[in-house]
Each structure stands twice: as structure tokens, then as C-alpha cells.
Amino acid sequence: MQKNVDLGKIGSNTVLVVAGPTASGKSALAIDLALKYNGVIINADASQLYKDIPIVSAAPSENDKVKVEHLLYGILNADEKNSVSDWVKLAVEAIKKVWQKGKLPIVTGGTGFYIESLINGMSPIPETTQEVKDKVAKIFDESGVVGAYKYLQQIDAEGAKKVNHNDTTRVRRALEIFEDTKKSIAEWFEMPMKKTLPEAEFKAVVLLPKLSEIEEKCSKRFDLMIENGALSEVERLLNKNIADDMPVMKAIGVPELKEYIEGRKTKEEAVELAKLRTRQYAKRQLTWFRNRFRKLKCEQIVF
């Protein structure tokens, strides 16, 4: 065992969460705990949902999958999107199937909003219609995020205050919500969360190493990714001509290696930029898990 973890009483409705920033060792710990407690690992990492980037996303190896059953890894094609609500629905289905087998669901990953939504519940905001999505998409095509945000300020001034003016995803979502429901996103945010798995008893093991330790591991891990074929993986992805605004194209490592493949950076420059962005992401994750995650209402063991 990497960590001496005693989970205490495990009930038939227990869900274990193993969380922490990238390169913190959570995947290895999750496997150890799955072997000890008869568990099945369920992915909570947005990038590891995509089948096209197992190397760049540091997805579990085939050897790991032989040791322990893994669910929700490599289930999406490159041209597919996946929202938080989409993932929660998939995770709830997976958890219930694991319970039915008499095993312990172990939700593992670093996408904090996925885990937070699973534990705390989802906003009651309804899914918007395709007609509304197309209308908002047209606004973005014609005016970009700057024009779209100005329009949001005109029709929903309070909602506009809740989103970053440069955040394309959140500006788009705020516009869609108002156009579809005629209610401000600010008003929706005030409504109580809707539990998605009310019968679950959540326990969490949270790994919070020193930032310097994570940064060193991130650097070594990316070098290993390059050795294991990350460049070829990204080349194959680029050959599919996926739009740059699709989630898979934004996974750390993909945009940076793309710049090298297209001749806009040297290999060394691309690798160093990817390492930098990985470290920056790890720092944001560490801050999030130290602050926001620890406020979640579940039993927590922190390392």
C-alpha cells in the first residue's frame, strides 16, 4: 500500500472517492484500495474519457485494467462532447452496477467539478433545446465571445456578472439558459442543488502533496509520455480533423504538441510549454482540493 488507509465501515451504499491533483498518486492508490476492499474504479477525469488520447491523458495501462476493473475510461470519440451532467449520469449508472455486484465503487480523478456534482448534487437548471443552442451558436459565429457577452449583459445583466467575459463555455451556457427559460443564470444559481445519488454514503481519500513534489512528477511523467508515443498519438488525432474547440483538442499536451507537429514550435519548446501548463493546472487543482473540496459534506481522509 502506498498509504496506510483504513476506510472503517464499508456499507452496501458506500462510494469511495480518491481525489487529488494530477501526478499526486491517486490512480495507484485507487488500485491498491480496490484490491484491498474488492473495488471497481470509476473514472472522474474529463480527458481520460476520450479513447484517442490514453497516453497524453495518463489513462490507466492495460496492466492496471487487468489488476482491477476500470469503468468510464476511453468511452468517447474525439468528436464528442461531455458535460458535467453527462458524466454524473454515467457515473451514477456505473456506481449502481458496481453495488449490484456487491463491490465497492471507487471514483477516481482530478476533475473537481465532476466529483463535487456527484457528492453535492446538480443544479436544477434544465437541459436547453437544440433550437436554442443553434441560436446561441449563431451569435458566437457572428460576434465571437466579446459580442456574445455584450448581448448577455443586455438581456441578463445579473447573469453576466456571474461569468468571466472571456469564458466561451460559461457565456454560451448563460445565454442558452436565459434564452430557453427566461430566467437569469444568477437566479438558477440560488436554487438548491438536486441530489443525484441521495442513497449514497460518500467517503473520500484526498491526496494533497507539496506543489514542488507534484511539479517534479509532472515533468518526469511528460518526458515518459513522449517516450511512449505521445507525438504519434496527437498526429493520429490531428488526422481526424477535429475542430479546435472540441474538448479533446484542449486536453493538456494536445495543443502544445500540435504546434510542434505543424512546425510552429520546436519539439523542445512544445514539450516545455506542455510541462508548464501541466504545472499550472496542478497548482489550480491543488488550491481547489485544499479549499473547495474539503468543504464537501462527506467523510474525508486527507494525506
C-alpha atoms as a PDB file:
ATOM      1  CA  MET A   1       0.000   0.000   0.000  1.00  0.00           C
ATOM      2  CA  GLN A   2       1.263   3.476  -0.799  1.00  0.00           C
ATOM      3  CA  LYS A   3      -0.741   4.906   2.083  1.00  0.00           C
ATOM      4  CA  ASN A   4      -1.980   3.235   5.240  1.00  0.00           C
ATOM      5  CA  VAL A   5      -5.669   3.868   4.615  1.00  0.00           C
ATOM      6  CA  ASP A   6      -8.341   2.451   6.906  1.00  0.00           C
ATOM      7  CA  LEU A   7     -11.765   3.187   5.480  1.00  0.00           C
ATOM      8  CA  GLY A   8     -13.602   1.957   8.536  1.00  0.00           C
ATOM      9  CA  LYS A   9     -17.092   0.551   7.979  1.00  0.00           C
ATOM     10  CA  ILE A  10     -17.991  -0.109   4.348  1.00  0.00           C
ATOM     11  CA  GLY A  11     -21.715  -0.354   3.704  1.00  0.00           C
ATOM     12  CA  SER A  12     -23.672  -1.615   0.722  1.00  0.00           C
ATOM     13  CA  ASN A  13     -24.283   2.038  -0.270  1.00  0.00           C
ATOM     14  CA  THR A  14     -20.718   3.338   0.231  1.00  0.00           C
ATOM     15  CA  VAL A  15     -18.980   5.233  -2.569  1.00  0.00           C
ATOM     16  CA  LEU A  16     -15.259   5.845  -2.129  1.00  0.00           C
ATOM     17  CA  VAL A  17     -13.725   8.889  -3.813  1.00  0.00           C
ATOM     18  CA  VAL A  18      -9.946   9.018  -4.329  1.00  0.00           C
ATOM     19  CA  ALA A  19      -9.138  12.556  -5.396  1.00  0.00           C
ATOM     20  CA  GLY A  20      -6.291  14.996  -5.792  1.00  0.00           C
ATOM     21  CA  PRO A  21      -4.288  16.956  -8.357  1.00  0.00           C
ATOM     22  CA  THR A  22      -2.604  15.402 -11.362  1.00  0.00           C
ATOM     23  CA  ALA A  23       0.500  13.293 -10.614  1.00  0.00           C
ATOM     24  CA  SER A  24      -0.419  13.036  -6.916  1.00  0.00           C
ATOM     25  CA  GLY A  25      -0.507   9.226  -6.974  1.00  0.00           C
ATOM     26  CA  LYS A  26      -4.280   8.812  -6.757  1.00  0.00           C
ATOM     27  CA  SER A  27      -4.541   6.240  -9.553  1.00  0.00           C
ATOM     28  CA  ALA A  28      -2.028   3.894  -7.934  1.00  0.00           C
ATOM     29  CA  LEU A  29      -3.686   4.339  -4.538  1.00  0.00           C
ATOM     30  CA  ALA A  30      -7.102   3.644  -6.040  1.00  0.00           C
ATOM     31  CA  ILE A  31      -5.817   0.330  -7.431  1.00  0.00           C
ATOM     32  CA  ASP A  32      -4.366  -0.615  -4.040  1.00  0.00           C
ATOM     33  CA  LEU A  33      -7.653   0.197  -2.326  1.00  0.00           C
ATOM     34  CA  ALA A  34      -9.661  -1.654  -4.967  1.00  0.00           C
ATOM     35  CA  LEU A  35      -7.563  -4.775  -4.360  1.00  0.00           C
ATOM     36  CA  LYS A  36      -7.929  -4.422  -0.586  1.00  0.00           C
ATOM     37  CA  TYR A  37     -11.650  -3.629  -0.485  1.00  0.00           C
ATOM     38  CA  ASN A  38     -12.999  -5.534  -3.531  1.00  0.00           C
ATOM     39  CA  GLY A  39     -13.499  -2.368  -5.535  1.00  0.00           C
ATOM     40  CA  VAL A  40     -14.135  -1.219  -9.101  1.00  0.00           C
ATOM     41  CA  ILE A  41     -12.555   2.037 -10.290  1.00  0.00           C
ATOM     42  CA  ILE A  42     -14.780   4.631 -11.996  1.00  0.00           C
ATOM     43  CA  ASN A  43     -13.160   7.449 -13.963  1.00  0.00           C
ATOM     44  CA  ALA A  44     -13.642  11.079 -12.874  1.00  0.00           C
ATOM     45  CA  ASP A  45     -11.094  12.665 -15.214  1.00  0.00           C
ATOM     46  CA  ALA A  46     -12.520  14.577 -18.181  1.00  0.00           C
ATOM     47  CA  SER A  47      -9.591  13.876 -20.537  1.00  0.00           C
ATOM     48  CA  GLN A  48      -9.444  10.160 -19.740  1.00  0.00           C
ATOM     49  CA  LEU A  49     -12.977   9.746 -21.097  1.00  0.00           C
ATOM     50  CA  TYR A  50     -11.513  10.018 -24.626  1.00  0.00           C
ATOM     51  CA  LYS A  51     -10.269   6.873 -26.345  1.00  0.00           C
ATOM     52  CA  ASP A  52      -7.925   8.802 -28.681  1.00  0.00           C
ATOM     53  CA  ILE A  53      -5.529  10.149 -26.031  1.00  0.00           C
ATOM     54  CA  PRO A  54      -4.680   7.441 -23.461  1.00  0.00           C
ATOM     55  CA  ILE A  55      -1.008   8.441 -23.391  1.00  0.00           C
ATOM     56  CA  VAL A  56      -1.454  12.220 -23.188  1.00  0.00           C
ATOM     57  CA  SER A  57      -4.215  11.884 -20.587  1.00  0.00           C
ATOM     58  CA  ALA A  58      -2.204   9.399 -18.484  1.00  0.00           C
ATOM     59  CA  ALA A  59      -5.040   6.859 -18.631  1.00  0.00           C
ATOM     60  CA  PRO A  60      -4.648   3.530 -16.804  1.00  0.00           C
ATOM     61  CA  SER A  61      -2.437   0.990 -18.548  1.00  0.00           C
ATOM     62  CA  GLU A  62      -3.689  -2.350 -19.829  1.00  0.00           C
ATOM     63  CA  ASN A  63      -1.833  -3.960 -16.925  1.00  0.00           C
ATOM     64  CA  ASP A  64      -3.773  -1.771 -14.475  1.00  0.00           C
ATOM     65  CA  LYS A  65      -7.046  -2.840 -16.094  1.00  0.00           C
ATOM     66  CA  VAL A  66      -6.071  -6.487 -15.694  1.00  0.00           C
ATOM     67  CA  LYS A  67      -5.477  -5.993 -11.975  1.00  0.00           C
ATOM     68  CA  VAL A  68      -8.741  -4.174 -11.312  1.00  0.00           C
ATOM     69  CA  GLU A  69     -11.917  -3.470 -13.292  1.00  0.00           C
ATOM     70  CA  HIS A  70     -11.988   0.110 -14.639  1.00  0.00           C
ATOM     71  CA  LEU A  71     -15.132   1.872 -15.901  1.00  0.00           C
ATOM     72  CA  LEU A  72     -15.731   5.053 -17.964  1.00  0.00           C
ATOM     73  CA  TYR A  73     -12.215   5.155 -19.460  1.00  0.00           C
ATOM     74  CA  GLY A  74     -11.883   5.675 -23.224  1.00  0.00           C
ATOM     75  CA  ILE A  75     -15.628   5.712 -23.848  1.00  0.00           C
ATOM     76  CA  LEU A  76     -15.878   8.835 -26.024  1.00  0.00           C
ATOM     77  CA  ASN A  77     -14.833   9.532 -29.601  1.00  0.00           C
ATOM     78  CA  ALA A  78     -12.803  12.644 -30.365  1.00  0.00           C
ATOM     79  CA  ASP A  79     -15.762  14.424 -31.944  1.00  0.00           C
ATOM     80  CA  GLU A  80     -17.991  14.014 -28.876  1.00  0.00           C
ATOM     81  CA  LYS A  81     -18.595  16.470 -26.055  1.00  0.00           C
ATOM     82  CA  ASN A  82     -19.315  15.594 -22.446  1.00  0.00           C
ATOM     83  CA  SER A  83     -20.829  17.942 -19.885  1.00  0.00           C
ATOM     84  CA  VAL A  84     -20.710  17.623 -16.108  1.00  0.00           C
ATOM     85  CA  SER A  85     -24.314  16.434 -16.106  1.00  0.00           C
ATOM     86  CA  ASP A  86     -23.481  13.842 -18.797  1.00  0.00           C
ATOM     87  CA  TRP A  87     -20.666  12.467 -16.667  1.00  0.00           C
ATOM     88  CA  VAL A  88     -22.756  12.403 -13.475  1.00  0.00           C
ATOM     89  CA  LYS A  89     -25.441  10.342 -15.228  1.00  0.00           C
ATOM     90  CA  LEU A  90     -22.815   7.875 -16.456  1.00  0.00           C
ATOM     91  CA  ALA A  91     -21.166   7.729 -13.024  1.00  0.00           C
ATOM     92  CA  VAL A  92     -24.457   7.099 -11.206  1.00  0.00           C
ATOM     93  CA  GLU A  93     -25.264   4.236 -13.606  1.00  0.00           C
ATOM     94  CA  ALA A  94     -21.788   2.767 -13.092  1.00  0.00           C
ATOM     95  CA  ILE A  95     -21.972   3.068  -9.300  1.00  0.00           C
ATOM     96  CA  LYS A  96     -25.317   1.267  -9.171  1.00  0.00           C
ATOM     97  CA  LYS A  97     -23.969  -1.560 -11.344  1.00  0.00           C
ATOM     98  CA  VAL A  98     -20.959  -1.950  -9.040  1.00  0.00           C
ATOM     99  CA  TRP A  99     -23.236  -2.048  -5.988  1.00  0.00           C
ATOM    100  CA  GLN A 100     -25.297  -4.764  -7.671  1.00  0.00           C
ATOM    101  CA  LYS A 101     -22.142  -6.858  -7.950  1.00  0.00           C
ATOM    102  CA  GLY A 102     -21.565  -6.452  -4.215  1.00  0.00           C
ATOM    103  CA  LYS A 103     -18.408  -4.435  -4.810  1.00  0.00           C
ATOM    104  CA  LEU A 104     -17.138  -1.002  -3.716  1.00  0.00           C
ATOM    105  CA  PRO A 105     -17.345   1.824  -6.304  1.00  0.00           C
ATOM    106  CA  ILE A 106     -14.105   3.853  -6.235  1.00  0.00           C
ATOM    107  CA  VAL A 107     -14.499   7.153  -8.097  1.00  0.00           C
ATOM    108  CA  THR A 108     -11.041   8.384  -9.066  1.00  0.00           C
ATOM    109  CA  GLY A 109      -9.878  11.511 -10.864  1.00  0.00           C
ATOM    110  CA  GLY A 110      -8.896  15.125 -10.702  1.00  0.00           C
ATOM    111  CA  THR A 111     -11.865  16.851 -12.345  1.00  0.00           C
ATOM    112  CA  GLY A 112     -13.155  18.504  -9.210  1.00  0.00           C
ATOM    113  CA  PHE A 113     -16.468  19.713 -10.616  1.00  0.00           C
ATOM    114  CA  TYR A 114     -17.367  16.145 -11.591  1.00  0.00           C
ATOM    115  CA  ILE A 115     -16.780  14.886  -8.062  1.00  0.00           C
ATOM    116  CA  GLU A 116     -18.412  17.894  -6.413  1.00  0.00           C
ATOM    117  CA  SER A 117     -21.534  17.467  -8.533  1.00  0.00           C
ATOM    118  CA  LEU A 118     -21.708  13.755  -7.751  1.00  0.00           C
ATOM    119  CA  ILE A 119     -21.477  14.348  -3.987  1.00  0.00           C
ATOM    120  CA  ASN A 120     -23.373  17.630  -3.589  1.00  0.00           C
ATOM    121  CA  GLY A 121     -25.830  17.191  -6.433  1.00  0.00           C
ATOM    122  CA  MET A 122     -26.591  19.092  -9.606  1.00  0.00           C
ATOM    123  CA  SER A 123     -28.123  22.462 -10.264  1.00  0.00           C
ATOM    124  CA  PRO A 124     -31.810  22.150 -11.222  1.00  0.00           C
ATOM    125  CA  ILE A 125     -31.119  24.048 -14.472  1.00  0.00           C
ATOM    126  CA  PRO A 126     -32.829  22.082 -17.283  1.00  0.00           C
ATOM    127  CA  GLU A 127     -31.126  20.989 -20.493  1.00  0.00           C
ATOM    128  CA  THR A 128     -31.668  23.555 -23.238  1.00  0.00           C
ATOM    129  CA  THR A 129     -33.275  22.723 -26.580  1.00  0.00           C
ATOM    130  CA  GLN A 130     -31.269  22.251 -29.759  1.00  0.00           C
ATOM    131  CA  GLU A 131     -33.090  25.216 -31.270  1.00  0.00           C
ATOM    132  CA  VAL A 132     -31.776  27.493 -28.518  1.00  0.00           C
ATOM    133  CA  LYS A 133     -28.270  26.036 -28.789  1.00  0.00           C
ATOM    134  CA  ASP A 134     -28.265  26.732 -32.524  1.00  0.00           C
ATOM    135  CA  LYS A 135     -29.461  30.298 -31.934  1.00  0.00           C
ATOM    136  CA  VAL A 136     -26.670  30.983 -29.434  1.00  0.00           C
ATOM    137  CA  ALA A 137     -24.097  29.285 -31.681  1.00  0.00           C
ATOM    138  CA  LYS A 138     -25.065  31.699 -34.445  1.00  0.00           C
ATOM    139  CA  ILE A 139     -24.457  34.653 -32.083  1.00  0.00           C
ATOM    140  CA  PHE A 140     -20.959  33.347 -31.359  1.00  0.00           C
ATOM    141  CA  ASP A 141     -20.257  32.749 -35.049  1.00  0.00           C
ATOM    142  CA  GLU A 142     -21.260  36.306 -35.917  1.00  0.00           C
ATOM    143  CA  SER A 143     -19.943  38.218 -32.889  1.00  0.00           C
ATOM    144  CA  GLY A 144     -17.448  35.997 -31.069  1.00  0.00           C
ATOM    145  CA  VAL A 145     -17.286  35.752 -27.296  1.00  0.00           C
ATOM    146  CA  VAL A 146     -16.930  39.556 -26.957  1.00  0.00           C
ATOM    147  CA  GLY A 147     -20.154  40.256 -28.818  1.00  0.00           C
ATOM    148  CA  ALA A 148     -21.938  37.357 -27.135  1.00  0.00           C
ATOM    149  CA  TYR A 149     -21.004  38.689 -23.694  1.00  0.00           C
ATOM    150  CA  LYS A 150     -22.262  42.171 -24.596  1.00  0.00           C
ATOM    151  CA  TYR A 151     -25.552  40.622 -25.667  1.00  0.00           C
ATOM    152  CA  LEU A 152     -25.697  38.700 -22.369  1.00  0.00           C
ATOM    153  CA  GLN A 153     -25.202  41.978 -20.493  1.00  0.00           C
ATOM    154  CA  GLN A 154     -28.167  43.443 -22.361  1.00  0.00           C
ATOM    155  CA  ILE A 155     -30.624  40.615 -21.709  1.00  0.00           C
ATOM    156  CA  ASP A 156     -29.308  39.279 -18.372  1.00  0.00           C
ATOM    157  CA  ALA A 157     -27.146  41.823 -16.561  1.00  0.00           C
ATOM    158  CA  GLU A 158     -27.124  39.879 -13.277  1.00  0.00           C
ATOM    159  CA  GLY A 159     -26.182  36.656 -15.022  1.00  0.00           C
ATOM    160  CA  ALA A 160     -23.364  38.398 -16.872  1.00  0.00           C
ATOM    161  CA  LYS A 161     -21.818  39.317 -13.518  1.00  0.00           C
ATOM    162  CA  LYS A 162     -21.585  35.608 -12.682  1.00  0.00           C
ATOM    163  CA  VAL A 163     -19.400  34.625 -15.642  1.00  0.00           C
ATOM    164  CA  ASN A 164     -15.986  35.624 -16.934  1.00  0.00           C
ATOM    165  CA  HIS A 165     -16.377  37.689 -20.098  1.00  0.00           C
ATOM    166  CA  ASN A 166     -13.652  35.624 -21.838  1.00  0.00           C
ATOM    167  CA  ASP A 167     -15.005  32.204 -20.820  1.00  0.00           C
ATOM    168  CA  THR A 168     -16.662  30.976 -24.012  1.00  0.00           C
ATOM    169  CA  THR A 169     -18.260  27.930 -22.384  1.00  0.00           C
ATOM    170  CA  ARG A 170     -19.856  29.818 -19.485  1.00  0.00           C
ATOM    171  CA  VAL A 171     -21.011  32.784 -21.590  1.00  0.00           C
ATOM    172  CA  ARG A 172     -22.575  30.351 -24.041  1.00  0.00           C
ATOM    173  CA  ARG A 173     -24.288  28.435 -21.213  1.00  0.00           C
ATOM    174  CA  ALA A 174     -25.615  31.625 -19.580  1.00  0.00           C
ATOM    175  CA  LEU A 175     -27.108  32.765 -22.884  1.00  0.00           C
ATOM    176  CA  GLU A 176     -28.665  29.370 -23.582  1.00  0.00           C
ATOM    177  CA  ILE A 177     -30.231  29.239 -20.123  1.00  0.00           C
ATOM    178  CA  PHE A 178     -31.768  32.693 -20.384  1.00  0.00           C
ATOM    179  CA  GLU A 179     -32.990  32.194 -23.941  1.00  0.00           C
ATOM    180  CA  ASP A 180     -34.589  28.862 -23.010  1.00  0.00           C
ATOM    181  CA  THR A 181     -36.002  29.561 -19.530  1.00  0.00           C
ATOM    182  CA  LYS A 182     -36.270  33.385 -19.457  1.00  0.00           C
ATOM    183  CA  LYS A 183     -34.630  33.184 -16.041  1.00  0.00           C
ATOM    184  CA  SER A 184     -31.210  34.590 -15.197  1.00  0.00           C
ATOM    185  CA  ILE A 185     -28.427  32.140 -14.538  1.00  0.00           C
ATOM    186  CA  ALA A 186     -27.951  34.104 -11.306  1.00  0.00           C
ATOM    187  CA  GLU A 187     -31.469  33.120 -10.261  1.00  0.00           C
ATOM    188  CA  TRP A 188     -30.858  29.475 -11.095  1.00  0.00           C
ATOM    189  CA  PHE A 189     -27.651  29.503  -9.037  1.00  0.00           C
ATOM    190  CA  GLU A 190     -29.671  30.460  -5.947  1.00  0.00           C
ATOM    191  CA  MET A 191     -31.825  27.337  -6.158  1.00  0.00           C
ATOM    192  CA  PRO A 192     -30.944  24.287  -4.002  1.00  0.00           C
ATOM    193  CA  MET A 193     -28.915  21.504  -5.576  1.00  0.00           C
ATOM    194  CA  LYS A 194     -30.699  18.355  -6.711  1.00  0.00           C
ATOM    195  CA  LYS A 195     -29.119  15.180  -5.296  1.00  0.00           C
ATOM    196  CA  THR A 196     -28.206  12.687  -7.995  1.00  0.00           C
ATOM    197  CA  LEU A 197     -27.424   9.748  -5.702  1.00  0.00           C
ATOM    198  CA  PRO A 198     -29.189  10.512  -2.394  1.00  0.00           C
ATOM    199  CA  GLU A 199     -28.828   6.953  -1.096  1.00  0.00           C
ATOM    200  CA  ALA A 200     -25.019   7.036  -1.263  1.00  0.00           C
ATOM    201  CA  GLU A 201     -22.681   7.356   1.703  1.00  0.00           C
ATOM    202  CA  PHE A 202     -19.563   9.069   0.383  1.00  0.00           C
ATOM    203  CA  LYS A 203     -16.090   8.613   1.822  1.00  0.00           C
ATOM    204  CA  ALA A 204     -13.125  10.477   0.332  1.00  0.00           C
ATOM    205  CA  VAL A 205      -9.383   9.968   0.392  1.00  0.00           C
ATOM    206  CA  VAL A 206      -7.767  13.240  -0.696  1.00  0.00           C
ATOM    207  CA  LEU A 207      -4.103  13.437  -1.695  1.00  0.00           C
ATOM    208  CA  LEU A 208      -2.527  16.863  -1.217  1.00  0.00           C
ATOM    209  CA  PRO A 209       1.260  16.585  -1.729  1.00  0.00           C
ATOM    210  CA  LYS A 210       3.578  19.578  -1.780  1.00  0.00           C
ATOM    211  CA  LEU A 211       3.436  21.528  -5.027  1.00  0.00           C
ATOM    212  CA  SER A 212       7.167  21.008  -5.588  1.00  0.00           C
ATOM    213  CA  GLU A 213       6.679  17.230  -5.483  1.00  0.00           C
ATOM    214  CA  ILE A 214       3.832  17.364  -7.991  1.00  0.00           C
ATOM    215  CA  GLU A 215       5.751  19.656 -10.355  1.00  0.00           C
ATOM    216  CA  GLU A 216       8.726  17.264 -10.412  1.00  0.00           C
ATOM    217  CA  LYS A 217       6.464  14.288 -11.107  1.00  0.00           C
ATOM    218  CA  CYS A 218       4.604  16.186 -13.839  1.00  0.00           C
ATOM    219  CA  SER A 219       7.851  16.920 -15.650  1.00  0.00           C
ATOM    220  CA  LYS A 220       9.112  13.337 -15.478  1.00  0.00           C
ATOM    221  CA  ARG A 221       5.725  11.968 -16.494  1.00  0.00           C
ATOM    222  CA  PHE A 222       5.527  14.133 -19.609  1.00  0.00           C
ATOM    223  CA  ASP A 223       9.002  13.019 -20.683  1.00  0.00           C
ATOM    224  CA  LEU A 224       7.762   9.441 -20.297  1.00  0.00           C
ATOM    225  CA  MET A 225       4.664  10.264 -22.370  1.00  0.00           C
ATOM    226  CA  ILE A 226       6.916  11.459 -25.202  1.00  0.00           C
ATOM    227  CA  GLU A 227       8.970   8.249 -24.982  1.00  0.00           C
ATOM    228  CA  ASN A 228       5.774   6.167 -25.066  1.00  0.00           C
ATOM    229  CA  GLY A 229       4.408   7.748 -28.254  1.00  0.00           C
ATOM    230  CA  ALA A 230       2.508  10.898 -27.304  1.00  0.00           C
ATOM    231  CA  LEU A 231       3.555  12.621 -30.536  1.00  0.00           C
ATOM    232  CA  SER A 232       2.207   9.805 -32.709  1.00  0.00           C
ATOM    233  CA  GLU A 233      -0.978   9.809 -30.667  1.00  0.00           C
ATOM    234  CA  VAL A 234      -1.539  13.523 -31.304  1.00  0.00           C
ATOM    235  CA  GLU A 235      -0.668  13.108 -35.006  1.00  0.00           C
ATOM    236  CA  ARG A 236      -3.378  10.445 -35.340  1.00  0.00           C
ATOM    237  CA  LEU A 237      -5.818  12.763 -33.590  1.00  0.00           C
ATOM    238  CA  LEU A 238      -4.985  15.657 -35.929  1.00  0.00           C
ATOM    239  CA  ASN A 239      -5.596  13.417 -38.936  1.00  0.00           C
ATOM    240  CA  LYS A 240      -9.233  13.212 -37.858  1.00  0.00           C
ATOM    241  CA  ASN A 241      -9.614  16.975 -38.434  1.00  0.00           C
ATOM    242  CA  ILE A 242     -11.417  17.595 -35.154  1.00  0.00           C
ATOM    243  CA  ALA A 243     -12.376  21.228 -34.524  1.00  0.00           C
ATOM    244  CA  ASP A 244     -10.041  23.050 -32.131  1.00  0.00           C
ATOM    245  CA  ASP A 245     -12.894  23.995 -29.799  1.00  0.00           C
ATOM    246  CA  MET A 246     -13.741  20.354 -29.034  1.00  0.00           C
ATOM    247  CA  PRO A 247     -12.760  19.202 -25.514  1.00  0.00           C
ATOM    248  CA  VAL A 248     -10.317  16.532 -26.682  1.00  0.00           C
ATOM    249  CA  MET A 249      -8.316  19.172 -28.559  1.00  0.00           C
ATOM    250  CA  LYS A 250      -7.933  21.209 -25.380  1.00  0.00           C
ATOM    251  CA  ALA A 251      -6.501  18.395 -23.262  1.00  0.00           C
ATOM    252  CA  ILE A 252      -3.126  19.455 -21.886  1.00  0.00           C
ATOM    253  CA  GLY A 253      -0.438  18.228 -24.230  1.00  0.00           C
ATOM    254  CA  VAL A 254      -2.565  18.196 -27.368  1.00  0.00           C
ATOM    255  CA  PRO A 255      -2.415  21.924 -28.330  1.00  0.00           C
ATOM    256  CA  GLU A 256       1.277  22.131 -27.425  1.00  0.00           C
ATOM    257  CA  LEU A 257       2.352  19.069 -29.417  1.00  0.00           C
ATOM    258  CA  LYS A 258       0.117  20.193 -32.260  1.00  0.00           C
ATOM    259  CA  GLU A 259       2.206  23.367 -32.524  1.00  0.00           C
ATOM    260  CA  TYR A 260       5.336  21.244 -32.968  1.00  0.00           C
ATOM    261  CA  ILE A 261       3.711  18.910 -35.488  1.00  0.00           C
ATOM    262  CA  GLU A 262       2.547  21.918 -37.530  1.00  0.00           C
ATOM    263  CA  GLY A 263       6.023  23.478 -37.413  1.00  0.00           C
ATOM    264  CA  ARG A 264       5.172  26.451 -35.221  1.00  0.00           C
ATOM    265  CA  LYS A 265       7.428  25.384 -32.330  1.00  0.00           C
ATOM    266  CA  THR A 266      10.477  23.215 -31.874  1.00  0.00           C
ATOM    267  CA  LYS A 267       9.983  19.913 -30.101  1.00  0.00           C
ATOM    268  CA  GLU A 268      11.801  21.236 -27.024  1.00  0.00           C
ATOM    269  CA  GLU A 269       9.633  24.373 -26.928  1.00  0.00           C
ATOM    270  CA  ALA A 270       6.424  22.362 -27.269  1.00  0.00           C
ATOM    271  CA  VAL A 271       7.420  19.921 -24.535  1.00  0.00           C
ATOM    272  CA  GLU A 272       8.439  22.695 -22.127  1.00  0.00           C
ATOM    273  CA  LEU A 273       5.175  24.548 -22.781  1.00  0.00           C
ATOM    274  CA  ALA A 274       3.172  21.385 -22.109  1.00  0.00           C
ATOM    275  CA  LYS A 275       5.096  20.849 -18.874  1.00  0.00           C
ATOM    276  CA  LEU A 276       4.443  24.455 -17.852  1.00  0.00           C
ATOM    277  CA  ARG A 277       0.705  24.160 -18.486  1.00  0.00           C
ATOM    278  CA  THR A 278       0.605  20.856 -16.620  1.00  0.00           C
ATOM    279  CA  ARG A 279       2.271  22.507 -13.608  1.00  0.00           C
ATOM    280  CA  GLN A 280      -0.146  25.432 -13.781  1.00  0.00           C
ATOM    281  CA  TYR A 281      -3.091  23.043 -13.924  1.00  0.00           C
ATOM    282  CA  ALA A 282      -1.746  21.039 -10.981  1.00  0.00           C
ATOM    283  CA  LYS A 283      -1.406  24.230  -8.947  1.00  0.00           C
ATOM    284  CA  ARG A 284      -5.025  25.200  -9.663  1.00  0.00           C
ATOM    285  CA  GLN A 285      -6.167  21.697  -8.745  1.00  0.00           C
ATOM    286  CA  LEU A 286      -4.193  21.739  -5.512  1.00  0.00           C
ATOM    287  CA  THR A 287      -5.788  25.033  -4.495  1.00  0.00           C
ATOM    288  CA  TRP A 288      -9.245  23.716  -5.379  1.00  0.00           C
ATOM    289  CA  PHE A 289      -8.860  20.480  -3.415  1.00  0.00           C
ATOM    290  CA  ARG A 290      -7.369  22.294  -0.398  1.00  0.00           C
ATOM    291  CA  ASN A 291     -10.232  24.759  -0.256  1.00  0.00           C
ATOM    292  CA  ARG A 292     -13.441  23.851  -2.047  1.00  0.00           C
ATOM    293  CA  PHE A 293     -13.267  20.057  -1.918  1.00  0.00           C
ATOM    294  CA  ARG A 294     -12.652  19.948   1.806  1.00  0.00           C
ATOM    295  CA  LYS A 295     -15.965  21.762   2.338  1.00  0.00           C
ATOM    296  CA  LEU A 296     -17.937  18.919   0.771  1.00  0.00           C
ATOM    297  CA  LYS A 297     -20.191  17.044   3.153  1.00  0.00           C
ATOM    298  CA  CYS A 298     -18.583  13.626   3.277  1.00  0.00           C
ATOM    299  CA  GLU A 299     -16.158  11.747   5.493  1.00  0.00           C
ATOM    300  CA  GLN A 300     -12.621  12.650   4.397  1.00  0.00           C
ATOM    301  CA  ILE A 301      -9.149  11.233   4.966  1.00  0.00           C
ATOM    302  CA  VAL A 302      -6.512  13.743   3.865  1.00  0.00           C
ATOM    303  CA  PHE A 303      -2.862  12.979   3.073  1.00  0.00           C
END
